[in-house]
């Protein structure tokens, strides 16, 4: 059939994959951090307090005091490529694109900050992606992460006349490929250390305890990941003690426990001399791993009497992590590509 001469050109027939991570400020200045925190902490999925109560607290107190402190933390880890989280996520997207070949368009986005999720989602569709796999890089499901990503995707869909078919990468907290990748990568890192850890803390991002009572499966997912990973590491490190903790508490509400910062100090005071910390809930190194764990965690452990401390890096874009990500994405694209 011959198209009318005035028919606009339309790209179509492509398949897209959108990797999504949490977010980052555009730079490490207090102004950029304030803008980022305002967006992040205004998401009702993140702070489940009535807006009329929360917004005066957010704008009257938190955004007046926290940005400068957080900016200092970001400045400790900022790189020539910018935010570590953004730089690593971009590398993951490039590596996945090379692995999947020309038949799939791979892009990346941040839920908060830039590149904006809705912009990149619309961009994929404009490039002719009639089928899109949205891949939140959160192994353990939480409404504050996975569900918030889908809120943004649905907002983008609500503005589209011609909507793409959609799939989402499910949480992979107990996927054998994920556990195997963690065991392989962390095992290699611990073997390369100049000391033998007595204990490794598996530190997951914290959540208010009430989220568990409301039905969020995050805590249970973290605990299962930790149990499976400990079992996978046991043959190589039979004397290693593996404990699970939760980091990044914020505000006065009761959060999931035990708290990472508390346990680090307690372990040192109790006589633990050699400690390693890993963050298997993070797909890429970020402020929480590079500053909170690697800098402040080390200072706390050594200051309380510990002797040797190491923060193990996330899977990032190294081979084990990319093998896992490729496996998960290819599985979810089955029947499409």
Protein backbone atom coordinates (compact mmCIF):
# COMPACT_ATOMS: atom_id res chain seq x y z
CA UNK A 1 0.00 0.00 0.00
CA UNK A 2 1.31 3.43 -0.89
CA UNK A 3 1.28 5.95 1.95
CA UNK A 4 -0.20 9.39 1.35
CA UNK A 5 2.45 11.93 0.41
CA UNK A 6 1.63 14.00 3.47
CA UNK A 7 1.90 11.05 5.90
CA UNK A 8 4.41 11.94 8.66
CA UNK A 9 7.39 9.58 9.07
CA UNK A 10 6.87 7.22 12.00
CA UNK A 11 9.56 5.05 13.58
CA UNK A 12 8.21 1.68 14.63
CA UNK A 13 8.95 -2.00 15.14
CA UNK A 14 11.81 -1.63 17.64
CA UNK A 15 12.32 -3.13 21.10
CA UNK A 16 13.62 -1.07 24.01
CA UNK A 17 15.10 -1.73 27.45
CA UNK A 18 15.15 1.04 30.05
CA UNK A 19 17.43 0.52 33.06
CA UNK A 20 16.25 2.59 36.02
CA UNK A 21 18.03 3.51 39.23
CA UNK A 22 17.06 5.74 42.12
CA UNK A 23 18.55 9.13 41.36
CA UNK A 24 21.23 11.70 41.98
CA UNK A 25 21.66 15.47 42.05
CA UNK A 26 23.08 17.10 38.92
CA UNK A 27 26.17 18.21 40.84
CA UNK A 28 27.45 18.22 44.41
CA UNK A 29 26.45 21.79 45.31
CA UNK A 30 23.93 22.44 48.11
CA UNK A 31 21.57 24.00 45.54
CA UNK A 32 21.57 20.91 43.32
CA UNK A 33 21.19 18.62 46.31
CA UNK A 34 18.27 20.70 47.60
CA UNK A 35 16.49 20.38 44.25
CA UNK A 36 17.08 16.63 44.19
CA UNK A 37 15.92 16.11 47.78
CA UNK A 38 12.80 18.20 47.17
CA UNK A 39 11.78 15.86 44.33
CA UNK A 40 12.80 12.68 46.13
CA UNK A 41 11.22 13.49 49.49
CA UNK A 42 8.01 14.80 47.90
CA UNK A 43 7.21 11.36 46.49
CA UNK A 44 4.36 9.90 48.61
CA UNK A 45 5.82 6.44 47.96
CA UNK A 46 8.98 7.52 49.77
CA UNK A 47 7.47 9.48 52.65
CA UNK A 48 4.09 8.06 53.61
CA UNK A 49 2.94 11.02 55.66
CA UNK A 50 -0.10 13.14 54.72
CA UNK A 51 1.01 15.95 52.43
CA UNK A 52 -0.52 18.65 54.61
CA UNK A 53 1.64 17.48 57.51
CA UNK A 54 4.81 16.61 55.62
CA UNK A 55 5.28 19.53 53.22
CA UNK A 56 5.70 22.22 55.93
CA UNK A 57 8.29 19.99 57.62
CA UNK A 58 10.07 19.28 54.34
CA UNK A 59 10.25 22.90 53.15
CA UNK A 60 10.40 24.58 56.54
CA UNK A 61 13.07 22.41 58.18
CA UNK A 62 14.63 19.60 56.13
CA UNK A 63 15.37 21.50 52.91
CA UNK A 64 16.84 24.33 54.96
CA UNK A 65 19.30 22.15 56.86
CA UNK A 66 19.99 18.83 55.14
CA UNK A 67 21.23 19.92 51.65
CA UNK A 68 24.51 21.39 52.92
CA UNK A 69 25.32 18.29 54.93
CA UNK A 70 24.37 15.97 52.08
CA UNK A 71 26.33 18.11 49.60
CA UNK A 72 29.45 17.65 51.71
CA UNK A 73 28.89 13.88 51.59
CA UNK A 74 28.44 13.93 47.80
CA UNK A 75 31.62 15.98 47.44
CA UNK A 76 33.57 13.14 49.10
CA UNK A 77 32.62 10.70 46.32
CA UNK A 78 32.01 12.89 43.23
CA UNK A 79 34.07 11.89 40.20
CA UNK A 80 35.25 13.40 36.93
CA UNK A 81 32.25 11.62 35.34
CA UNK A 82 29.91 13.15 37.90
CA UNK A 83 27.78 11.12 40.27
CA UNK A 84 29.13 7.58 40.73
CA UNK A 85 25.61 6.15 40.52
CA UNK A 86 24.89 7.90 37.22
CA UNK A 87 28.29 7.05 35.73
CA UNK A 88 28.03 3.36 36.63
CA UNK A 89 24.42 3.05 35.46
CA UNK A 90 25.43 4.60 32.13
CA UNK A 91 28.25 2.06 31.80
CA UNK A 92 25.84 -0.76 32.60
CA UNK A 93 23.53 0.43 29.82
CA UNK A 94 26.38 0.65 27.32
CA UNK A 95 27.65 -2.81 28.24
CA UNK A 96 24.16 -4.33 27.99
CA UNK A 97 23.60 -2.64 24.62
CA UNK A 98 26.79 -4.26 23.30
CA UNK A 99 25.73 -7.66 24.61
CA UNK A 100 22.18 -7.54 23.20
CA UNK A 101 23.19 -6.22 19.79
CA UNK A 102 21.48 -3.89 17.34
CA UNK A 103 18.07 -5.55 17.70
CA UNK A 104 17.41 -3.89 21.07
CA UNK A 105 17.75 -0.22 22.05
CA UNK A 106 19.06 0.10 25.62
CA UNK A 107 18.84 3.33 27.59
CA UNK A 108 19.00 4.34 31.26
CA UNK A 109 17.24 6.79 33.54
CA UNK A 110 16.90 7.97 37.12
CA UNK A 111 13.65 8.00 39.04
CA UNK A 112 14.64 11.35 40.57
CA UNK A 113 16.90 13.90 38.94
CA UNK A 114 18.37 13.49 35.47
CA UNK A 115 18.11 11.83 33.06
CA UNK A 116 14.42 11.80 33.93
CA UNK A 117 12.62 8.49 33.62
CA UNK A 118 9.62 9.92 31.81
CA UNK A 119 11.84 11.71 29.27
CA UNK A 120 13.86 8.59 28.46
CA UNK A 121 10.73 6.43 28.27
CA UNK A 122 9.15 8.81 25.77
CA UNK A 123 12.46 8.95 23.87
CA UNK A 124 12.52 5.18 23.44
CA UNK A 125 9.02 5.25 22.03
CA UNK A 126 9.97 8.10 19.68
CA UNK A 127 12.82 5.92 18.38
CA UNK A 128 10.26 3.34 17.31
CA UNK A 129 10.18 1.08 20.38
CA UNK A 130 6.72 -0.44 20.31
CA UNK A 131 7.72 -2.87 23.06
CA UNK A 132 9.63 -1.67 26.11
CA UNK A 133 11.05 -3.59 29.07
CA UNK A 134 11.37 -1.34 32.11
CA UNK A 135 14.11 -2.73 34.35
CA UNK A 136 14.26 -1.23 37.86
CA UNK A 137 17.70 -2.15 39.21
CA UNK A 138 16.38 -2.94 42.67
CA UNK A 139 16.86 -6.63 43.55
CA UNK A 140 14.48 -6.47 46.53
CA UNK A 141 10.99 -5.08 45.93
CA UNK A 142 9.79 -2.02 47.80
CA UNK A 143 6.89 0.30 47.14
CA UNK A 144 9.31 3.20 47.64
CA UNK A 145 11.47 2.00 44.73
CA UNK A 146 9.84 -0.42 42.29
CA UNK A 147 6.31 0.91 42.67
CA UNK A 148 7.52 4.49 42.38
CA UNK A 149 9.21 3.65 39.07
CA UNK A 150 5.92 2.32 37.75
CA UNK A 151 4.12 5.44 38.96
CA UNK A 152 6.42 7.49 36.73
CA UNK A 153 5.99 5.11 33.79
CA UNK A 154 2.21 5.27 34.11
CA UNK A 155 2.41 9.06 34.19
CA UNK A 156 4.29 8.95 30.89
CA UNK A 157 1.77 6.51 29.42
CA UNK A 158 -1.04 8.83 30.43
CA UNK A 159 0.35 11.47 28.08
CA UNK A 160 0.73 9.15 25.07
CA UNK A 161 -1.77 8.62 22.32
CA UNK A 162 0.16 5.67 20.86
CA UNK A 163 1.32 3.59 23.81
CA UNK A 164 3.97 0.86 23.63
CA UNK A 165 3.49 -2.66 24.95
CA UNK A 166 5.14 -2.88 28.35
CA UNK A 167 6.95 -5.41 30.50
CA UNK A 168 8.76 -4.87 33.80
CA UNK A 169 11.72 -6.71 35.26
CA UNK A 170 10.48 -8.40 38.44
CA UNK A 171 12.49 -8.23 41.68
CA UNK A 172 15.32 -10.75 41.54
CA UNK A 173 16.27 -11.02 45.22
CA UNK A 174 16.35 -14.83 45.16
CA UNK A 175 17.14 -15.46 41.50
CA UNK A 176 19.91 -18.08 41.22
CA UNK A 177 21.76 -15.89 38.69
CA UNK A 178 21.78 -12.96 41.13
CA UNK A 179 22.94 -15.03 44.09
CA UNK A 180 25.64 -16.71 41.98
CA UNK A 181 26.88 -13.34 40.69
CA UNK A 182 27.08 -11.93 44.22
CA UNK A 183 28.87 -15.00 45.56
CA UNK A 184 31.37 -14.99 42.70
CA UNK A 185 32.08 -11.27 42.84
CA UNK A 186 32.17 -10.84 46.62
CA UNK A 187 34.16 -14.04 47.01
CA UNK A 188 36.82 -12.72 44.64
CA UNK A 189 36.94 -9.38 46.45
CA UNK A 190 37.35 -10.98 49.88
CA UNK A 191 40.04 -13.35 48.60
CA UNK A 192 41.98 -10.34 47.32
CA UNK A 193 41.90 -8.50 50.66
CA UNK A 194 45.16 -8.24 52.61
CA UNK A 195 43.33 -9.68 55.64
CA UNK A 196 40.76 -12.40 56.34
CA UNK A 197 37.47 -10.93 57.61
CA UNK A 198 35.96 -12.42 60.73
CA UNK A 199 32.54 -11.10 59.79
CA UNK A 200 30.91 -9.64 56.71
CA UNK A 201 27.92 -7.36 57.17
CA UNK A 202 25.35 -7.47 54.39
CA UNK A 203 24.01 -3.94 54.63
CA UNK A 204 20.71 -3.16 52.92
CA UNK A 205 19.08 0.25 52.65
CA UNK A 206 16.74 0.80 55.56
CA UNK A 207 13.02 1.40 55.51
CA UNK A 208 10.62 2.51 58.24
CA UNK A 209 9.48 -0.54 60.17
CA UNK A 210 5.84 0.38 59.56
CA UNK A 211 6.27 -0.45 55.86
CA UNK A 212 6.71 -4.09 56.85
CA UNK A 213 3.50 -3.98 58.90
CA UNK A 214 1.68 -2.42 55.94
CA UNK A 215 2.59 -5.37 53.71
CA UNK A 216 5.78 -4.28 51.94
CA UNK A 217 7.85 -7.43 51.23
CA UNK A 218 11.19 -5.59 51.26
CA UNK A 219 12.41 -6.81 54.66
CA UNK A 220 11.61 -10.43 53.81
CA UNK A 221 13.32 -10.11 50.41
CA UNK A 222 16.47 -8.73 52.06
CA UNK A 223 16.53 -11.51 54.61
CA UNK A 224 16.16 -14.18 51.93
CA UNK A 225 18.91 -12.66 49.80
CA UNK A 226 21.19 -12.65 52.85
CA UNK A 227 20.40 -16.26 53.74
CA UNK A 228 20.96 -17.52 50.19
CA UNK A 229 24.16 -15.51 49.82
CA UNK A 230 25.53 -16.76 53.13
CA UNK A 231 24.86 -20.34 52.02
CA UNK A 232 26.60 -19.68 48.69
CA UNK A 233 29.68 -18.20 50.39
CA UNK A 234 29.96 -20.90 53.05
CA UNK A 235 31.94 -23.48 51.00
CA UNK A 236 34.65 -20.94 50.19
CA UNK A 237 34.63 -19.20 53.58
CA UNK A 238 33.53 -21.80 56.18
CA UNK A 239 34.71 -19.70 59.15
CA UNK A 240 33.10 -16.46 58.00
CA UNK A 241 30.20 -15.05 60.01
CA UNK A 242 27.58 -13.32 57.86
CA UNK A 243 25.18 -10.82 59.46
CA UNK A 244 22.39 -8.68 58.01
CA UNK A 245 21.94 -4.99 58.82
CA UNK A 246 20.06 -1.93 57.51
CA UNK A 247 21.55 1.50 56.86
CA UNK A 248 20.57 5.11 56.13
CA UNK A 249 18.06 5.80 58.88
CA UNK A 250 16.27 9.13 58.57
CA UNK A 251 13.92 10.95 60.92
CA UNK A 252 12.49 9.84 64.23
CA UNK A 253 10.39 6.84 63.14
CA UNK A 254 11.50 3.34 64.07
CA UNK A 255 13.39 1.75 61.15
CA UNK A 256 14.25 -1.81 60.26
CA UNK A 257 16.92 -3.24 62.53
CA UNK A 258 19.67 -3.95 63.34
CA UNK A 259 21.16 -0.67 62.15
CA UNK A 260 24.43 -0.90 60.22
CA UNK A 261 26.15 2.00 61.99
CA UNK A 262 25.24 0.63 65.41
CA UNK A 263 26.41 -2.90 64.59
CA UNK A 264 29.73 -1.70 63.14
CA UNK A 265 30.57 0.10 66.38
CA UNK A 266 29.28 -2.71 68.58
CA UNK A 267 31.33 -5.33 66.72
CA UNK A 268 34.53 -3.36 67.22
CA UNK A 269 33.84 -2.78 70.90
CA UNK A 270 33.04 -6.50 71.33
CA UNK A 271 36.46 -7.48 69.98
CA UNK A 272 35.95 -8.04 66.27
CA UNK A 273 39.21 -6.97 64.65
CA UNK A 274 38.62 -7.59 60.94
CA UNK A 275 35.38 -6.68 59.17
CA UNK A 276 34.10 -6.44 55.61
CA UNK A 277 30.84 -4.78 54.58
CA UNK A 278 28.91 -5.50 51.37
CA UNK A 279 25.73 -3.87 50.05
CA UNK A 280 23.94 -6.50 47.91
CA UNK A 281 20.76 -4.45 47.67
CA UNK A 282 22.52 -1.81 45.57
CA UNK A 283 23.17 -2.58 41.91
CA UNK A 284 25.78 0.19 41.64
CA UNK A 285 28.00 2.03 44.06
CA UNK A 286 26.57 5.33 45.24
CA UNK A 287 26.59 7.80 48.13
CA UNK A 288 25.31 5.15 50.54
CA UNK A 289 28.12 2.71 49.79
CA UNK A 290 31.03 5.04 49.00
CA UNK A 291 30.50 7.62 51.75
CA UNK A 292 28.21 6.12 54.38
CA UNK A 293 29.86 2.69 54.46
CA UNK A 294 33.37 3.13 53.05
CA UNK A 295 34.18 6.42 54.79
CA UNK A 296 31.99 6.80 57.86
CA UNK A 297 31.74 3.06 58.47
CA UNK A 298 35.52 2.71 58.42
CA UNK A 299 35.98 5.66 60.77
CA UNK A 300 33.45 4.21 63.21
CA UNK A 301 34.96 0.70 63.19
CA UNK A 302 38.56 1.82 63.61
CA UNK A 303 37.59 4.46 66.14
CA UNK A 304 35.85 1.84 68.29
CA UNK A 305 38.87 -0.46 68.35
CA UNK A 306 38.72 -2.45 65.11
CA UNK A 307 41.90 -3.08 63.13
CA UNK A 308 41.01 -3.95 59.52
CA UNK A 309 37.96 -2.77 57.57
CA UNK A 310 36.94 -3.11 53.92
CA UNK A 311 33.86 -2.06 51.99
CA UNK A 312 33.27 -4.45 49.10
CA UNK A 313 32.07 -2.82 45.92
CA UNK A 314 28.70 -3.49 44.28
CA UNK A 315 28.38 -5.60 41.15
CA UNK A 316 28.50 -2.42 39.03
CA UNK A 317 29.43 -3.15 35.40
CA UNK A 318 31.94 -5.93 36.08
CA UNK A 319 31.57 -9.23 34.27
CA UNK A 320 29.67 -11.17 36.94
CA UNK A 321 27.07 -8.44 37.31
CA UNK A 322 26.68 -7.89 33.58
CA UNK A 323 26.35 -11.64 32.95
CA UNK A 324 23.51 -11.68 35.47
CA UNK A 325 21.82 -8.58 34.05
CA UNK A 326 22.03 -9.91 30.50
CA UNK A 327 20.53 -13.22 31.65
CA UNK A 328 17.61 -11.50 33.41
CA UNK A 329 16.88 -9.12 30.54
CA UNK A 330 17.06 -11.81 27.85
CA UNK A 331 14.65 -13.92 29.86
CA UNK A 332 12.16 -11.07 30.18
CA UNK A 333 12.47 -10.27 26.46
CA UNK A 334 11.63 -13.85 25.52
CA UNK A 335 9.08 -13.87 22.71
CA UNK A 336 9.94 -10.28 21.83
CA UNK A 337 13.59 -10.61 20.82
